[in-house]
């Protein structure tokens, strides 16, 4: 897919600049899932990099993202093509994509949901640099229904098993939006508690009941259920930050969490 680099201002355009965000992590875990933010790298790059750098390489990253535009079906699976980055293209895993659509009651093959969506786009340079041979399957998740999230997680798991590939589910999500930093931290701690507990249903319920403005809660729920199917037993918070640390304005921040599930 030729994105015309319309989101190029969200992240650096050279390998040297990308490397500056990546920590020197010697021990890499066999990750089933990751949670990474998708804001401009000035704000969230170090937090995202902490998660990517903690994981061993894989064959395919299934990137689960929210929809900021409302375009497309509830669960939109990008079917084929190549996504551009400043460092070359990242190929869509057509085999996994097709298998997920065929294995889910709700997922649909669709391009439209991804046309103006940045929450996959900003992840690609990290994947290109740290997992250069990996393919991707972008999936936009608009539904907040636990049953549909579980259905998608099962479809991803069965697809990975059938295709014999090592798949990491990457949930692209920012945490609380435009709240006072203290309030944002309280809300984010609640969401993070459920993630650390591998409690996908509890996460969705807490986000709804407490009105937590986490944009990718459903993506995280799918990732958690997939990870458990894969045998994951533990989650770790690698880095938490907020936009105020860069802007200096702590009255209205966006929270960011970098996490690994293994």
Protein backbone atom coordinates (compact mmCIF):
# COMPACT_ATOMS: atom_id res chain seq x y z
CA UNK A 1 0.00 0.00 0.00
CA UNK A 2 1.45 3.33 -1.00
CA UNK A 3 0.62 5.51 1.96
CA UNK A 4 2.39 8.50 0.38
CA UNK A 5 4.01 8.77 3.81
CA UNK A 6 1.16 10.96 4.99
CA UNK A 7 2.09 10.17 8.58
CA UNK A 8 5.83 10.68 8.11
CA UNK A 9 5.89 13.58 10.57
CA UNK A 10 4.82 11.19 13.33
CA UNK A 11 8.15 9.39 13.37
CA UNK A 12 11.79 9.85 12.26
CA UNK A 13 12.88 9.12 8.73
CA UNK A 14 16.34 7.62 9.27
CA UNK A 15 17.67 4.45 10.85
CA UNK A 16 19.87 6.52 13.14
CA UNK A 17 16.87 8.37 14.53
CA UNK A 18 14.93 5.13 15.03
CA UNK A 19 17.87 3.57 16.85
CA UNK A 20 17.90 6.46 19.31
CA UNK A 21 14.55 5.30 20.69
CA UNK A 22 15.49 1.64 21.06
CA UNK A 23 16.89 0.53 24.44
CA UNK A 24 19.76 -1.95 24.60
CA UNK A 25 17.75 -4.94 25.82
CA UNK A 26 19.93 -8.03 26.10
CA UNK A 27 17.25 -10.49 27.21
CA UNK A 28 14.40 -10.87 24.74
CA UNK A 29 11.31 -12.83 25.67
CA UNK A 30 9.19 -15.15 23.54
CA UNK A 31 6.29 -12.73 23.36
CA UNK A 32 2.76 -13.74 22.51
CA UNK A 33 1.54 -10.16 22.65
CA UNK A 34 2.63 -6.54 23.02
CA UNK A 35 0.90 -3.29 23.88
CA UNK A 36 2.41 -0.24 22.21
CA UNK A 37 1.25 3.40 21.96
CA UNK A 38 0.64 5.09 18.62
CA UNK A 39 1.18 8.78 19.23
CA UNK A 40 3.90 10.84 17.58
CA UNK A 41 7.25 9.35 18.46
CA UNK A 42 8.38 12.54 20.20
CA UNK A 43 5.79 11.71 22.83
CA UNK A 44 5.53 7.91 22.84
CA UNK A 45 8.49 6.56 20.86
CA UNK A 46 10.54 5.45 23.86
CA UNK A 47 7.56 3.68 25.39
CA UNK A 48 6.75 1.84 22.17
CA UNK A 49 10.39 0.94 21.63
CA UNK A 50 10.64 -0.56 25.12
CA UNK A 51 7.97 -3.09 24.19
CA UNK A 52 9.29 -3.98 20.74
CA UNK A 53 12.87 -4.33 21.99
CA UNK A 54 11.79 -6.83 24.66
CA UNK A 55 10.42 -9.37 22.16
CA UNK A 56 12.09 -12.07 20.13
CA UNK A 57 11.62 -11.98 16.39
CA UNK A 58 8.55 -13.52 14.79
CA UNK A 59 7.19 -14.43 11.38
CA UNK A 60 4.16 -12.16 11.50
CA UNK A 61 2.91 -9.27 13.61
CA UNK A 62 -0.87 -9.08 13.74
CA UNK A 63 -1.35 -5.38 14.50
CA UNK A 64 -4.66 -4.79 16.26
CA UNK A 65 -5.71 -1.16 16.27
CA UNK A 66 -8.71 1.04 17.06
CA UNK A 67 -10.49 3.15 14.47
CA UNK A 68 -10.15 6.91 14.82
CA UNK A 69 -12.29 7.54 11.73
CA UNK A 70 -15.25 5.14 12.09
CA UNK A 71 -14.74 4.01 8.50
CA UNK A 72 -15.22 0.37 7.51
CA UNK A 73 -16.64 -2.73 9.19
CA UNK A 74 -16.45 -3.52 12.90
CA UNK A 75 -13.48 -5.84 12.38
CA UNK A 76 -11.49 -4.93 9.30
CA UNK A 77 -8.63 -7.21 8.19
CA UNK A 78 -6.25 -5.74 5.63
CA UNK A 79 -6.06 -8.48 2.99
CA UNK A 80 -2.91 -7.96 0.94
CA UNK A 81 -0.24 -5.60 -0.32
CA UNK A 82 2.86 -3.79 0.93
CA UNK A 83 2.97 -0.86 3.36
CA UNK A 84 5.71 1.71 2.82
CA UNK A 85 8.17 2.92 5.44
CA UNK A 86 11.22 5.17 5.06
CA UNK A 87 13.29 1.96 5.13
CA UNK A 88 11.39 -0.11 2.59
CA UNK A 89 8.10 -1.95 2.41
CA UNK A 90 6.51 -4.26 4.97
CA UNK A 91 4.53 -7.07 3.34
CA UNK A 92 1.07 -8.10 4.47
CA UNK A 93 0.88 -11.80 5.34
CA UNK A 94 -1.89 -12.74 2.94
CA UNK A 95 -2.03 -16.33 4.19
CA UNK A 96 -2.71 -15.33 7.80
CA UNK A 97 -5.05 -12.51 6.73
CA UNK A 98 -7.22 -14.83 4.66
CA UNK A 99 -7.25 -17.49 7.36
CA UNK A 100 -8.35 -15.00 10.01
CA UNK A 101 -11.25 -13.77 7.87
CA UNK A 102 -12.31 -17.32 7.08
CA UNK A 103 -12.02 -18.37 10.72
CA UNK A 104 -13.96 -15.50 12.30
CA UNK A 105 -17.70 -14.91 12.36
CA UNK A 106 -17.23 -11.14 12.33
CA UNK A 107 -13.99 -10.23 10.57
CA UNK A 108 -14.12 -8.88 7.02
CA UNK A 109 -11.42 -8.33 4.42
CA UNK A 110 -11.33 -4.57 3.95
CA UNK A 111 -9.03 -1.75 2.86
CA UNK A 112 -11.17 1.26 3.71
CA UNK A 113 -10.80 1.25 7.50
CA UNK A 114 -7.04 1.66 7.13
CA UNK A 115 -6.88 4.44 4.55
CA UNK A 116 -6.60 7.34 7.01
CA UNK A 117 -5.78 5.37 10.18
CA UNK A 118 -2.42 6.15 11.81
CA UNK A 119 -2.36 3.55 14.58
CA UNK A 120 -0.82 0.84 12.39
CA UNK A 121 1.30 3.21 10.35
CA UNK A 122 3.42 4.51 13.22
CA UNK A 123 4.33 0.98 14.36
CA UNK A 124 5.89 -0.10 11.08
CA UNK A 125 9.37 1.46 11.38
CA UNK A 126 9.93 -0.35 14.70
CA UNK A 127 8.88 -3.64 13.13
CA UNK A 128 10.99 -2.98 10.02
CA UNK A 129 14.10 -2.28 12.11
CA UNK A 130 13.72 -4.80 14.96
CA UNK A 131 11.97 -7.61 13.06
CA UNK A 132 13.12 -7.00 9.48
CA UNK A 133 11.80 -10.27 8.04
CA UNK A 134 8.38 -10.08 9.72
CA UNK A 135 5.17 -9.61 7.77
CA UNK A 136 2.11 -7.84 9.14
CA UNK A 137 -1.66 -8.27 9.30
CA UNK A 138 -3.34 -4.95 10.16
CA UNK A 139 -6.73 -5.40 11.86
CA UNK A 140 -8.97 -2.51 12.87
CA UNK A 141 -11.26 -3.36 15.79
CA UNK A 142 -14.22 -1.05 16.39
CA UNK A 143 -16.43 -3.35 18.46
CA UNK A 144 -16.19 -3.34 22.27
CA UNK A 145 -18.10 -6.62 22.64
CA UNK A 146 -16.11 -9.24 24.52
CA UNK A 147 -17.61 -12.14 22.55
CA UNK A 148 -16.50 -10.65 19.24
CA UNK A 149 -13.03 -9.94 20.63
CA UNK A 150 -12.76 -13.56 21.79
CA UNK A 151 -13.93 -14.81 18.39
CA UNK A 152 -11.21 -12.78 16.66
CA UNK A 153 -8.55 -13.96 19.10
CA UNK A 154 -9.47 -17.58 18.41
CA UNK A 155 -9.37 -16.97 14.66
CA UNK A 156 -5.87 -15.45 14.92
CA UNK A 157 -4.65 -18.33 17.07
CA UNK A 158 -6.08 -21.02 14.81
CA UNK A 159 -4.68 -19.26 11.75
CA UNK A 160 -1.19 -19.12 13.23
CA UNK A 161 -1.39 -22.79 14.17
CA UNK A 162 -2.68 -23.86 10.76
CA UNK A 163 -0.04 -21.85 8.91
CA UNK A 164 2.76 -22.97 11.23
CA UNK A 165 3.96 -19.45 11.89
CA UNK A 166 5.18 -17.60 14.97
CA UNK A 167 2.73 -14.74 15.40
CA UNK A 168 2.86 -11.86 17.87
CA UNK A 169 -0.36 -9.95 18.47
CA UNK A 170 0.50 -6.25 18.75
CA UNK A 171 -2.19 -4.08 20.35
CA UNK A 172 -1.73 -0.48 19.24
CA UNK A 173 -3.34 1.65 21.95
CA UNK A 174 -2.87 4.89 23.82
CA UNK A 175 -4.16 5.06 27.38
CA UNK A 176 -6.20 7.89 28.95
CA UNK A 177 -6.78 10.94 26.75
CA UNK A 178 -6.72 14.61 27.72
CA UNK A 179 -7.08 14.20 31.47
CA UNK A 180 -5.10 15.71 34.32
CA UNK A 181 -1.95 13.61 34.73
CA UNK A 182 -2.92 12.44 38.23
CA UNK A 183 -6.39 11.35 37.12
CA UNK A 184 -4.98 9.76 33.97
CA UNK A 185 -2.55 7.71 36.06
CA UNK A 186 -5.35 6.49 38.34
CA UNK A 187 -7.47 5.44 35.35
CA UNK A 188 -4.54 3.89 33.52
CA UNK A 189 -3.49 1.93 36.61
CA UNK A 190 -6.94 0.32 36.63
CA UNK A 191 -6.63 -0.71 32.99
CA UNK A 192 -3.05 -1.88 33.47
CA UNK A 193 -4.11 -3.96 36.48
CA UNK A 194 -6.52 -5.94 34.31
CA UNK A 195 -3.90 -6.35 31.60
CA UNK A 196 -1.33 -7.60 34.11
CA UNK A 197 -4.01 -10.03 35.32
CA UNK A 198 -4.59 -11.19 31.70
CA UNK A 199 -8.23 -10.26 32.26
CA UNK A 200 -9.59 -9.18 28.88
CA UNK A 201 -13.24 -9.15 29.90
CA UNK A 202 -12.46 -7.22 33.08
CA UNK A 203 -10.50 -4.68 31.05
CA UNK A 204 -13.43 -4.01 28.72
CA UNK A 205 -15.85 -3.77 31.64
CA UNK A 206 -13.60 -1.38 33.59
CA UNK A 207 -13.08 0.87 30.58
CA UNK A 208 -16.83 1.12 30.05
CA UNK A 209 -17.91 1.41 33.68
CA UNK A 210 -15.24 3.93 34.67
CA UNK A 211 -15.32 5.82 31.38
CA UNK A 212 -11.59 5.32 30.78
CA UNK A 213 -10.65 7.01 27.52
CA UNK A 214 -8.28 4.26 26.37
CA UNK A 215 -8.65 4.12 22.60
CA UNK A 216 -7.53 0.53 21.96
CA UNK A 217 -9.10 -1.42 24.80
CA UNK A 218 -10.73 -3.89 22.40
CA UNK A 219 -7.43 -4.39 20.57
CA UNK A 220 -5.80 -5.14 23.92
CA UNK A 221 -8.59 -7.57 24.82
CA UNK A 222 -8.07 -9.49 21.57
CA UNK A 223 -4.33 -9.58 22.20
CA UNK A 224 -4.82 -10.89 25.74
CA UNK A 225 -7.16 -13.68 24.68
CA UNK A 226 -4.86 -14.67 21.82
CA UNK A 227 -1.88 -14.69 24.18
CA UNK A 228 -3.67 -16.94 26.66
CA UNK A 229 -4.61 -19.36 23.90
CA UNK A 230 -0.94 -19.43 22.97
CA UNK A 231 -0.05 -20.33 26.56
CA UNK A 232 1.00 -16.96 27.95
CA UNK A 233 0.92 -16.73 31.73
CA UNK A 234 2.45 -13.37 32.51
CA UNK A 235 2.36 -9.72 31.51
CA UNK A 236 4.83 -6.96 32.36
CA UNK A 237 4.64 -3.19 32.26
CA UNK A 238 7.93 -2.11 30.71
CA UNK A 239 7.38 1.64 30.55
CA UNK A 240 4.63 4.12 31.37
CA UNK A 241 4.73 7.75 30.30
CA UNK A 242 2.48 10.64 29.36
CA UNK A 243 2.57 13.52 26.93
CA UNK A 244 3.13 16.08 29.68
CA UNK A 245 6.68 14.80 30.14
CA UNK A 246 7.44 16.28 26.71
CA UNK A 247 4.99 19.18 26.41
CA UNK A 248 5.28 20.35 30.01
CA UNK A 249 1.49 20.55 30.24
CA UNK A 250 0.20 18.07 32.82
CA UNK A 251 -3.33 19.45 32.87
CA UNK A 252 -4.40 17.47 29.78
CA UNK A 253 -2.20 14.50 29.01
CA UNK A 254 -2.37 11.31 26.97
CA UNK A 255 -1.00 8.24 28.73
CA UNK A 256 1.22 5.61 27.08
CA UNK A 257 2.04 2.07 28.16
CA UNK A 258 4.57 -0.35 26.72
CA UNK A 259 3.80 -3.93 27.81
CA UNK A 260 4.69 -7.51 26.95
CA UNK A 261 2.65 -10.69 27.44
CA UNK A 262 4.47 -14.02 27.42
